[in-house]
N, C-alpha and C. Protein backbone atom coordinates (compact mmCIF):
# COMPACT_ATOMS: atom_id res chain seq x y z
N MET A 1 -22.94 15.98 2.92
CA MET A 1 -21.70 15.69 2.22
C MET A 1 -20.49 16.03 3.07
N GLY A 2 -20.66 16.79 4.10
CA GLY A 2 -19.53 17.11 4.95
C GLY A 2 -18.89 18.43 4.58
N ASP A 3 -17.86 18.74 5.28
CA ASP A 3 -17.14 19.98 5.09
C ASP A 3 -16.27 19.89 3.83
N PRO A 4 -16.50 20.73 2.82
CA PRO A 4 -15.71 20.63 1.58
C PRO A 4 -14.24 20.98 1.76
N ARG A 5 -13.91 21.65 2.85
CA ARG A 5 -12.50 21.98 3.06
C ARG A 5 -11.69 20.76 3.49
N ARG A 6 -12.36 19.75 4.03
CA ARG A 6 -11.67 18.58 4.56
C ARG A 6 -11.42 17.52 3.49
N ARG A 7 -12.28 17.44 2.49
CA ARG A 7 -12.11 16.42 1.47
C ARG A 7 -11.03 16.84 0.49
N ARG A 8 -10.17 15.92 0.19
CA ARG A 8 -9.13 16.22 -0.77
C ARG A 8 -8.83 14.95 -1.55
N LYS A 9 -8.71 15.08 -2.83
CA LYS A 9 -8.42 13.94 -3.67
C LYS A 9 -7.01 13.44 -3.36
N LYS A 10 -6.86 12.13 -3.18
CA LYS A 10 -5.58 11.57 -2.79
C LYS A 10 -4.84 10.93 -3.95
N TRP A 11 -5.29 11.16 -5.16
CA TRP A 11 -4.67 10.52 -6.30
C TRP A 11 -4.63 11.46 -7.50
N VAL A 12 -3.74 11.13 -8.42
CA VAL A 12 -3.65 11.82 -9.69
C VAL A 12 -3.69 10.73 -10.75
N GLY A 13 -4.60 10.85 -11.69
CA GLY A 13 -4.73 9.84 -12.74
C GLY A 13 -3.60 9.95 -13.75
N PRO A 14 -3.53 9.02 -14.68
CA PRO A 14 -2.47 9.07 -15.69
C PRO A 14 -2.64 10.26 -16.63
N LYS A 15 -1.52 10.77 -17.13
CA LYS A 15 -1.57 11.91 -18.05
C LYS A 15 -2.20 11.52 -19.37
N HIS A 16 -1.94 10.29 -19.81
CA HIS A 16 -2.48 9.79 -21.08
C HIS A 16 -3.26 8.51 -20.79
N PRO A 17 -4.50 8.63 -20.33
CA PRO A 17 -5.24 7.45 -19.85
C PRO A 17 -5.62 6.45 -20.93
N TRP A 18 -5.57 6.82 -22.20
CA TRP A 18 -6.05 5.91 -23.24
C TRP A 18 -4.93 5.22 -23.99
N ARG A 19 -3.68 5.32 -23.51
CA ARG A 19 -2.59 4.58 -24.14
C ARG A 19 -2.75 3.10 -23.83
N LEU A 20 -2.65 2.27 -24.85
CA LEU A 20 -2.92 0.85 -24.71
C LEU A 20 -1.98 0.18 -23.72
N ASP A 21 -0.69 0.56 -23.73
CA ASP A 21 0.26 -0.06 -22.81
C ASP A 21 -0.08 0.26 -21.36
N ILE A 22 -0.53 1.48 -21.08
CA ILE A 22 -0.92 1.87 -19.73
C ILE A 22 -2.17 1.11 -19.31
N LEU A 23 -3.15 1.02 -20.22
CA LEU A 23 -4.39 0.30 -19.91
C LEU A 23 -4.11 -1.16 -19.58
N LYS A 24 -3.25 -1.81 -20.37
CA LYS A 24 -2.94 -3.22 -20.13
C LYS A 24 -2.21 -3.41 -18.80
N GLU A 25 -1.27 -2.51 -18.51
CA GLU A 25 -0.53 -2.60 -17.24
C GLU A 25 -1.48 -2.42 -16.05
N GLU A 26 -2.39 -1.43 -16.15
CA GLU A 26 -3.32 -1.18 -15.05
C GLU A 26 -4.25 -2.37 -14.82
N VAL A 27 -4.78 -2.95 -15.89
CA VAL A 27 -5.69 -4.09 -15.74
C VAL A 27 -4.95 -5.27 -15.14
N GLU A 28 -3.69 -5.48 -15.55
CA GLU A 28 -2.90 -6.58 -15.01
C GLU A 28 -2.64 -6.39 -13.51
N LEU A 29 -2.33 -5.16 -13.09
CA LEU A 29 -2.10 -4.86 -11.67
C LEU A 29 -3.39 -4.99 -10.86
N LEU A 30 -4.52 -4.58 -11.45
CA LEU A 30 -5.81 -4.72 -10.76
C LEU A 30 -6.09 -6.19 -10.46
N GLY A 31 -5.82 -7.04 -11.43
CA GLY A 31 -6.05 -8.46 -11.23
C GLY A 31 -5.07 -9.10 -10.27
N ARG A 32 -3.81 -8.72 -10.37
CA ARG A 32 -2.77 -9.34 -9.54
C ARG A 32 -2.93 -9.00 -8.06
N TYR A 33 -3.43 -7.81 -7.76
CA TYR A 33 -3.56 -7.39 -6.36
C TYR A 33 -5.00 -7.28 -5.89
N GLY A 34 -5.97 -7.68 -6.71
CA GLY A 34 -7.37 -7.69 -6.30
C GLY A 34 -7.92 -6.32 -5.97
N LEU A 35 -7.50 -5.31 -6.71
CA LEU A 35 -7.97 -3.95 -6.45
C LEU A 35 -9.39 -3.77 -6.96
N ARG A 36 -10.16 -2.94 -6.30
CA ARG A 36 -11.55 -2.72 -6.66
C ARG A 36 -11.67 -1.94 -7.96
N ASP A 37 -10.89 -0.87 -8.07
CA ASP A 37 -10.93 -0.05 -9.28
C ASP A 37 -9.58 0.63 -9.47
N LYS A 38 -9.46 1.35 -10.56
CA LYS A 38 -8.17 1.98 -10.90
C LYS A 38 -7.81 3.09 -9.92
N ARG A 39 -8.80 3.65 -9.23
CA ARG A 39 -8.51 4.70 -8.27
C ARG A 39 -7.58 4.21 -7.17
N GLU A 40 -7.77 2.96 -6.75
CA GLU A 40 -6.90 2.39 -5.72
C GLU A 40 -5.46 2.29 -6.23
N LEU A 41 -5.31 1.92 -7.49
CA LEU A 41 -3.98 1.86 -8.10
C LEU A 41 -3.38 3.25 -8.21
N TRP A 42 -4.19 4.21 -8.62
CA TRP A 42 -3.69 5.58 -8.76
C TRP A 42 -3.27 6.17 -7.43
N LYS A 43 -3.97 5.81 -6.34
CA LYS A 43 -3.56 6.28 -5.01
C LYS A 43 -2.17 5.76 -4.66
N ALA A 44 -1.93 4.48 -4.94
CA ALA A 44 -0.61 3.89 -4.66
C ALA A 44 0.47 4.55 -5.53
N LYS A 45 0.15 4.77 -6.79
CA LYS A 45 1.12 5.41 -7.68
C LYS A 45 1.42 6.84 -7.24
N THR A 46 0.40 7.55 -6.76
CA THR A 46 0.60 8.92 -6.29
C THR A 46 1.47 8.94 -5.04
N MET A 47 1.23 8.00 -4.13
CA MET A 47 2.04 7.91 -2.92
C MET A 47 3.51 7.65 -3.29
N LEU A 48 3.71 6.71 -4.20
CA LEU A 48 5.06 6.39 -4.65
C LEU A 48 5.71 7.58 -5.35
N ARG A 49 4.92 8.31 -6.15
CA ARG A 49 5.43 9.48 -6.86
C ARG A 49 5.93 10.54 -5.87
N LYS A 50 5.21 10.69 -4.75
CA LYS A 50 5.62 11.68 -3.74
C LYS A 50 6.93 11.26 -3.07
N PHE A 51 7.08 9.96 -2.76
CA PHE A 51 8.33 9.49 -2.17
C PHE A 51 9.50 9.72 -3.13
N ARG A 52 9.30 9.39 -4.38
CA ARG A 52 10.37 9.54 -5.37
C ARG A 52 10.70 11.02 -5.58
N HIS A 53 9.68 11.87 -5.55
CA HIS A 53 9.90 13.31 -5.72
C HIS A 53 10.75 13.85 -4.57
N ARG A 54 10.44 13.42 -3.34
CA ARG A 54 11.25 13.85 -2.20
C ARG A 54 12.68 13.36 -2.33
N ALA A 55 12.87 12.16 -2.83
CA ALA A 55 14.22 11.63 -3.01
C ALA A 55 14.99 12.44 -4.05
N ARG A 56 14.33 12.83 -5.14
CA ARG A 56 15.00 13.65 -6.17
C ARG A 56 15.37 15.01 -5.61
N GLU A 57 14.47 15.59 -4.80
CA GLU A 57 14.78 16.88 -4.17
C GLU A 57 16.01 16.75 -3.27
N LEU A 58 16.09 15.66 -2.52
CA LEU A 58 17.21 15.46 -1.60
C LEU A 58 18.52 15.18 -2.35
N LEU A 59 18.43 14.61 -3.54
CA LEU A 59 19.64 14.43 -4.34
C LEU A 59 20.15 15.78 -4.83
N GLY A 60 19.21 16.69 -5.14
CA GLY A 60 19.60 18.03 -5.61
C GLY A 60 20.09 18.92 -4.49
N ASN A 61 19.43 18.87 -3.35
CA ASN A 61 19.80 19.68 -2.17
C ASN A 61 20.00 18.72 -1.00
N PRO A 62 21.19 18.15 -0.85
CA PRO A 62 21.39 17.14 0.20
C PRO A 62 21.12 17.69 1.61
N ASP A 63 20.34 16.94 2.35
CA ASP A 63 20.05 17.21 3.75
C ASP A 63 20.03 15.85 4.44
N GLU A 64 21.08 15.54 5.17
CA GLU A 64 21.24 14.19 5.71
C GLU A 64 20.11 13.80 6.65
N LYS A 65 19.62 14.76 7.43
CA LYS A 65 18.55 14.44 8.38
C LYS A 65 17.27 14.04 7.65
N LYS A 66 16.88 14.83 6.64
CA LYS A 66 15.66 14.53 5.88
C LYS A 66 15.83 13.23 5.08
N GLU A 67 17.04 12.99 4.59
CA GLU A 67 17.30 11.76 3.84
C GLU A 67 17.11 10.54 4.75
N LYS A 68 17.65 10.61 5.96
CA LYS A 68 17.50 9.50 6.90
C LYS A 68 16.04 9.31 7.28
N GLU A 69 15.29 10.42 7.45
CA GLU A 69 13.87 10.32 7.79
C GLU A 69 13.08 9.62 6.69
N LEU A 70 13.33 10.00 5.43
CA LEU A 70 12.62 9.38 4.31
C LEU A 70 12.93 7.89 4.22
N ILE A 71 14.19 7.55 4.32
CA ILE A 71 14.58 6.14 4.22
C ILE A 71 14.05 5.35 5.41
N ALA A 72 14.09 5.95 6.61
CA ALA A 72 13.55 5.26 7.79
C ALA A 72 12.05 5.02 7.65
N LYS A 73 11.34 5.98 7.08
CA LYS A 73 9.89 5.81 6.87
C LYS A 73 9.63 4.64 5.92
N LEU A 74 10.39 4.58 4.82
CA LEU A 74 10.18 3.52 3.84
C LEU A 74 10.63 2.16 4.37
N VAL A 75 11.66 2.13 5.20
CA VAL A 75 12.08 0.88 5.83
C VAL A 75 11.01 0.43 6.82
N GLY A 76 10.44 1.38 7.56
CA GLY A 76 9.37 1.06 8.51
C GLY A 76 8.14 0.52 7.82
N LEU A 77 7.85 1.02 6.62
CA LEU A 77 6.72 0.52 5.85
C LEU A 77 7.01 -0.87 5.28
N GLY A 78 8.27 -1.25 5.25
CA GLY A 78 8.64 -2.55 4.70
C GLY A 78 8.84 -2.52 3.20
N VAL A 79 8.91 -1.31 2.63
CA VAL A 79 9.09 -1.17 1.19
C VAL A 79 10.56 -1.28 0.82
N LEU A 80 11.44 -0.82 1.70
CA LEU A 80 12.89 -0.89 1.48
C LEU A 80 13.53 -1.71 2.59
N GLY A 81 14.72 -2.24 2.29
CA GLY A 81 15.47 -2.98 3.30
C GLY A 81 16.42 -2.06 4.05
N GLU A 82 17.01 -2.59 5.12
CA GLU A 82 17.98 -1.82 5.90
C GLU A 82 19.16 -1.44 5.01
N GLY A 83 19.75 -0.29 5.25
CA GLY A 83 20.92 0.16 4.51
C GLY A 83 20.59 0.67 3.12
N ALA A 84 19.34 1.06 2.88
CA ALA A 84 18.93 1.56 1.57
C ALA A 84 19.45 2.98 1.36
N THR A 85 19.54 3.37 0.11
CA THR A 85 20.00 4.71 -0.26
C THR A 85 18.90 5.42 -1.04
N LEU A 86 19.15 6.67 -1.40
CA LEU A 86 18.18 7.42 -2.19
C LEU A 86 18.00 6.79 -3.56
N ASP A 87 19.05 6.18 -4.09
CA ASP A 87 18.93 5.50 -5.39
C ASP A 87 17.92 4.35 -5.30
N ASP A 88 17.89 3.67 -4.15
CA ASP A 88 16.91 2.60 -3.96
C ASP A 88 15.49 3.17 -3.93
N VAL A 89 15.33 4.37 -3.37
CA VAL A 89 14.02 5.01 -3.34
C VAL A 89 13.57 5.31 -4.77
N LEU A 90 14.50 5.79 -5.58
CA LEU A 90 14.15 6.11 -6.97
C LEU A 90 13.86 4.85 -7.78
N GLY A 91 14.36 3.70 -7.34
CA GLY A 91 14.13 2.45 -8.05
C GLY A 91 12.87 1.72 -7.61
N LEU A 92 12.12 2.30 -6.69
CA LEU A 92 10.89 1.65 -6.21
C LEU A 92 9.85 1.55 -7.32
N THR A 93 9.07 0.48 -7.29
CA THR A 93 7.96 0.32 -8.22
C THR A 93 6.67 0.26 -7.42
N VAL A 94 5.56 0.42 -8.12
CA VAL A 94 4.26 0.40 -7.46
C VAL A 94 3.98 -0.99 -6.89
N ASP A 95 4.60 -2.03 -7.45
CA ASP A 95 4.42 -3.39 -6.93
C ASP A 95 4.86 -3.49 -5.47
N LYS A 96 5.97 -2.85 -5.13
CA LYS A 96 6.48 -2.89 -3.75
C LYS A 96 5.45 -2.33 -2.78
N LEU A 97 4.80 -1.26 -3.18
CA LEU A 97 3.80 -0.62 -2.31
C LEU A 97 2.53 -1.47 -2.24
N LEU A 98 2.10 -2.02 -3.36
CA LEU A 98 0.89 -2.84 -3.38
C LEU A 98 1.07 -4.14 -2.60
N GLU A 99 2.31 -4.62 -2.50
CA GLU A 99 2.59 -5.82 -1.71
C GLU A 99 2.36 -5.58 -0.22
N ARG A 100 2.41 -4.32 0.22
CA ARG A 100 2.28 -3.97 1.63
C ARG A 100 0.83 -3.71 2.04
N ARG A 101 -0.11 -3.76 1.09
CA ARG A 101 -1.53 -3.55 1.43
C ARG A 101 -2.01 -4.69 2.30
N LEU A 102 -2.93 -4.39 3.21
CA LEU A 102 -3.47 -5.41 4.11
C LEU A 102 -4.11 -6.54 3.32
N GLN A 103 -4.81 -6.22 2.27
CA GLN A 103 -5.47 -7.23 1.45
C GLN A 103 -4.46 -8.25 0.93
N THR A 104 -3.33 -7.79 0.44
CA THR A 104 -2.31 -8.68 -0.11
C THR A 104 -1.64 -9.48 1.01
N VAL A 105 -1.38 -8.83 2.15
CA VAL A 105 -0.72 -9.52 3.27
C VAL A 105 -1.61 -10.64 3.80
N VAL A 106 -2.92 -10.38 3.92
CA VAL A 106 -3.85 -11.41 4.40
C VAL A 106 -3.84 -12.61 3.46
N TYR A 107 -3.84 -12.34 2.17
CA TYR A 107 -3.81 -13.43 1.19
C TYR A 107 -2.49 -14.20 1.24
N LYS A 108 -1.38 -13.48 1.31
CA LYS A 108 -0.06 -14.14 1.32
C LYS A 108 0.16 -14.95 2.60
N LYS A 109 -0.46 -14.53 3.71
CA LYS A 109 -0.33 -15.29 4.97
C LYS A 109 -1.22 -16.52 4.99
N GLY A 110 -2.08 -16.66 3.98
CA GLY A 110 -2.95 -17.82 3.91
C GLY A 110 -4.22 -17.71 4.73
N LEU A 111 -4.57 -16.51 5.16
CA LEU A 111 -5.79 -16.32 5.93
C LEU A 111 -7.03 -16.32 5.02
N ALA A 112 -6.80 -16.14 3.72
CA ALA A 112 -7.89 -16.17 2.74
C ALA A 112 -7.41 -16.94 1.52
N LYS A 113 -8.35 -17.56 0.82
CA LYS A 113 -7.99 -18.38 -0.34
C LYS A 113 -7.71 -17.54 -1.58
N THR A 114 -8.38 -16.41 -1.70
CA THR A 114 -8.18 -15.53 -2.85
C THR A 114 -8.02 -14.09 -2.37
N LEU A 115 -7.56 -13.23 -3.27
CA LEU A 115 -7.45 -11.81 -2.93
C LEU A 115 -8.82 -11.20 -2.69
N HIS A 116 -9.81 -11.64 -3.45
CA HIS A 116 -11.16 -11.09 -3.28
C HIS A 116 -11.76 -11.54 -1.95
N GLN A 117 -11.46 -12.76 -1.56
CA GLN A 117 -11.93 -13.23 -0.26
C GLN A 117 -11.23 -12.46 0.86
N ALA A 118 -9.95 -12.17 0.68
CA ALA A 118 -9.21 -11.38 1.67
C ALA A 118 -9.86 -10.01 1.84
N ARG A 119 -10.22 -9.40 0.73
CA ARG A 119 -10.86 -8.09 0.78
C ARG A 119 -12.19 -8.17 1.55
N GLN A 120 -12.95 -9.22 1.30
CA GLN A 120 -14.24 -9.38 1.97
C GLN A 120 -14.05 -9.61 3.47
N TYR A 121 -13.09 -10.45 3.85
CA TYR A 121 -12.83 -10.68 5.27
C TYR A 121 -12.47 -9.38 5.98
N ILE A 122 -11.67 -8.56 5.31
CA ILE A 122 -11.24 -7.29 5.92
C ILE A 122 -12.42 -6.35 6.09
N THR A 123 -13.20 -6.16 5.03
CA THR A 123 -14.31 -5.20 5.10
C THR A 123 -15.40 -5.66 6.06
N HIS A 124 -15.51 -6.97 6.30
CA HIS A 124 -16.53 -7.48 7.21
C HIS A 124 -16.03 -7.57 8.66
N GLY A 125 -14.79 -7.11 8.90
CA GLY A 125 -14.29 -7.02 10.27
C GLY A 125 -13.73 -8.31 10.83
N HIS A 126 -13.28 -9.23 9.98
CA HIS A 126 -12.73 -10.49 10.47
C HIS A 126 -11.21 -10.44 10.67
N ILE A 127 -10.57 -9.37 10.25
CA ILE A 127 -9.11 -9.28 10.32
C ILE A 127 -8.69 -8.19 11.31
N ALA A 128 -7.68 -8.51 12.11
CA ALA A 128 -7.16 -7.55 13.08
C ALA A 128 -5.64 -7.51 12.98
N ILE A 129 -5.09 -6.38 13.36
CA ILE A 129 -3.65 -6.23 13.49
C ILE A 129 -3.41 -6.03 14.98
N GLY A 130 -2.85 -7.06 15.61
CA GLY A 130 -2.72 -7.04 17.07
C GLY A 130 -4.11 -7.15 17.67
N ASP A 131 -4.50 -6.16 18.47
CA ASP A 131 -5.84 -6.18 19.08
C ASP A 131 -6.78 -5.18 18.43
N ARG A 132 -6.38 -4.62 17.29
CA ARG A 132 -7.16 -3.58 16.61
C ARG A 132 -7.76 -4.12 15.31
N VAL A 133 -9.06 -4.07 15.18
CA VAL A 133 -9.73 -4.50 13.96
C VAL A 133 -9.51 -3.45 12.89
N VAL A 134 -9.06 -3.88 11.72
CA VAL A 134 -8.84 -2.97 10.60
C VAL A 134 -9.77 -3.39 9.48
N SER A 135 -10.61 -2.46 9.02
CA SER A 135 -11.60 -2.79 7.99
C SER A 135 -11.32 -2.08 6.67
N VAL A 136 -10.06 -1.69 6.45
CA VAL A 136 -9.69 -0.99 5.23
C VAL A 136 -8.69 -1.86 4.45
N PRO A 137 -9.08 -2.42 3.30
CA PRO A 137 -8.18 -3.29 2.55
C PRO A 137 -6.92 -2.60 2.06
N SER A 138 -6.97 -1.28 1.88
CA SER A 138 -5.80 -0.57 1.35
C SER A 138 -4.84 -0.11 2.45
N TYR A 139 -5.11 -0.49 3.70
CA TYR A 139 -4.22 -0.13 4.81
C TYR A 139 -2.82 -0.65 4.51
N ILE A 140 -1.81 0.21 4.63
CA ILE A 140 -0.42 -0.19 4.39
C ILE A 140 0.12 -0.80 5.68
N VAL A 141 0.46 -2.08 5.62
CA VAL A 141 0.94 -2.82 6.79
C VAL A 141 2.42 -2.53 6.97
N ARG A 142 2.78 -2.03 8.13
CA ARG A 142 4.19 -1.77 8.43
C ARG A 142 4.91 -3.09 8.65
N ALA A 143 6.22 -3.07 8.52
CA ALA A 143 7.02 -4.28 8.65
C ALA A 143 6.84 -4.92 10.03
N LYS A 144 6.80 -4.09 11.09
CA LYS A 144 6.68 -4.64 12.45
C LYS A 144 5.28 -5.15 12.74
N GLU A 145 4.27 -4.72 11.96
CA GLU A 145 2.89 -5.15 12.17
C GLU A 145 2.55 -6.44 11.44
N GLU A 146 3.37 -6.82 10.48
CA GLU A 146 3.02 -7.94 9.60
C GLU A 146 2.79 -9.24 10.38
N ALA A 147 3.60 -9.49 11.41
CA ALA A 147 3.44 -10.72 12.20
C ALA A 147 2.16 -10.70 13.04
N LEU A 148 1.60 -9.51 13.28
CA LEU A 148 0.41 -9.38 14.12
C LEU A 148 -0.90 -9.54 13.35
N VAL A 149 -0.83 -9.64 12.02
CA VAL A 149 -2.05 -9.76 11.21
C VAL A 149 -2.64 -11.15 11.41
N ASP A 150 -3.90 -11.19 11.85
CA ASP A 150 -4.58 -12.46 12.10
C ASP A 150 -6.09 -12.21 12.15
N TYR A 151 -6.85 -13.28 12.34
CA TYR A 151 -8.29 -13.13 12.51
C TYR A 151 -8.57 -12.45 13.85
N THR A 152 -9.72 -11.77 13.93
CA THR A 152 -10.14 -11.21 15.21
C THR A 152 -10.56 -12.36 16.12
N PRO A 153 -10.37 -12.23 17.43
CA PRO A 153 -10.71 -13.33 18.34
C PRO A 153 -12.19 -13.73 18.29
N LEU A 154 -13.09 -12.80 18.06
CA LEU A 154 -14.53 -13.10 18.04
C LEU A 154 -15.03 -13.57 16.68
N SER A 155 -14.16 -13.58 15.67
CA SER A 155 -14.58 -13.99 14.34
C SER A 155 -14.79 -15.50 14.29
N PRO A 156 -15.85 -15.94 13.61
CA PRO A 156 -16.04 -17.38 13.45
C PRO A 156 -14.93 -18.02 12.64
N LEU A 157 -14.20 -17.24 11.88
CA LEU A 157 -13.10 -17.76 11.07
C LEU A 157 -11.91 -18.17 11.93
N SER A 158 -11.77 -17.57 13.12
CA SER A 158 -10.62 -17.88 13.98
C SER A 158 -10.74 -19.26 14.62
N ARG A 159 -11.91 -19.85 14.57
CA ARG A 159 -12.11 -21.16 15.16
C ARG A 159 -11.82 -22.30 14.20
N ARG A 160 -11.44 -21.98 12.98
CA ARG A 160 -11.18 -23.01 11.97
C ARG A 160 -9.97 -23.83 12.32
């Protein structure tokens, strides 16, 4: 099983998991982004929650350097546009983060016909970013990497 000190849960589930509105929203997001299970959604929500928490802390205790670092990180991820403020960070939704997943980017670029096919291409090693094969569908594609997403040169799919 490996070293127990190294494994750490990367998500926090909903506080009220059986509320009907939350269940409907989660199922709709799972379908829209082709997620395997709710854990993938919860990981994205937890990541977003951490960004928003840091933004709230910076609003309470302003630190210009840390504020610029946070905004630069989110702009680099492609979640925010240039000239964003902390208010824009607080206005982020989980959709913005899920749009940056490799699985979604592959589908939107037309490399796969469906989100599920995109996931399969990625896990089977047919998709590369630049010259690096990425086999993780939940990989967050940075803004500068988006143009580099394509089939691997040795993939039979690249000959289509």
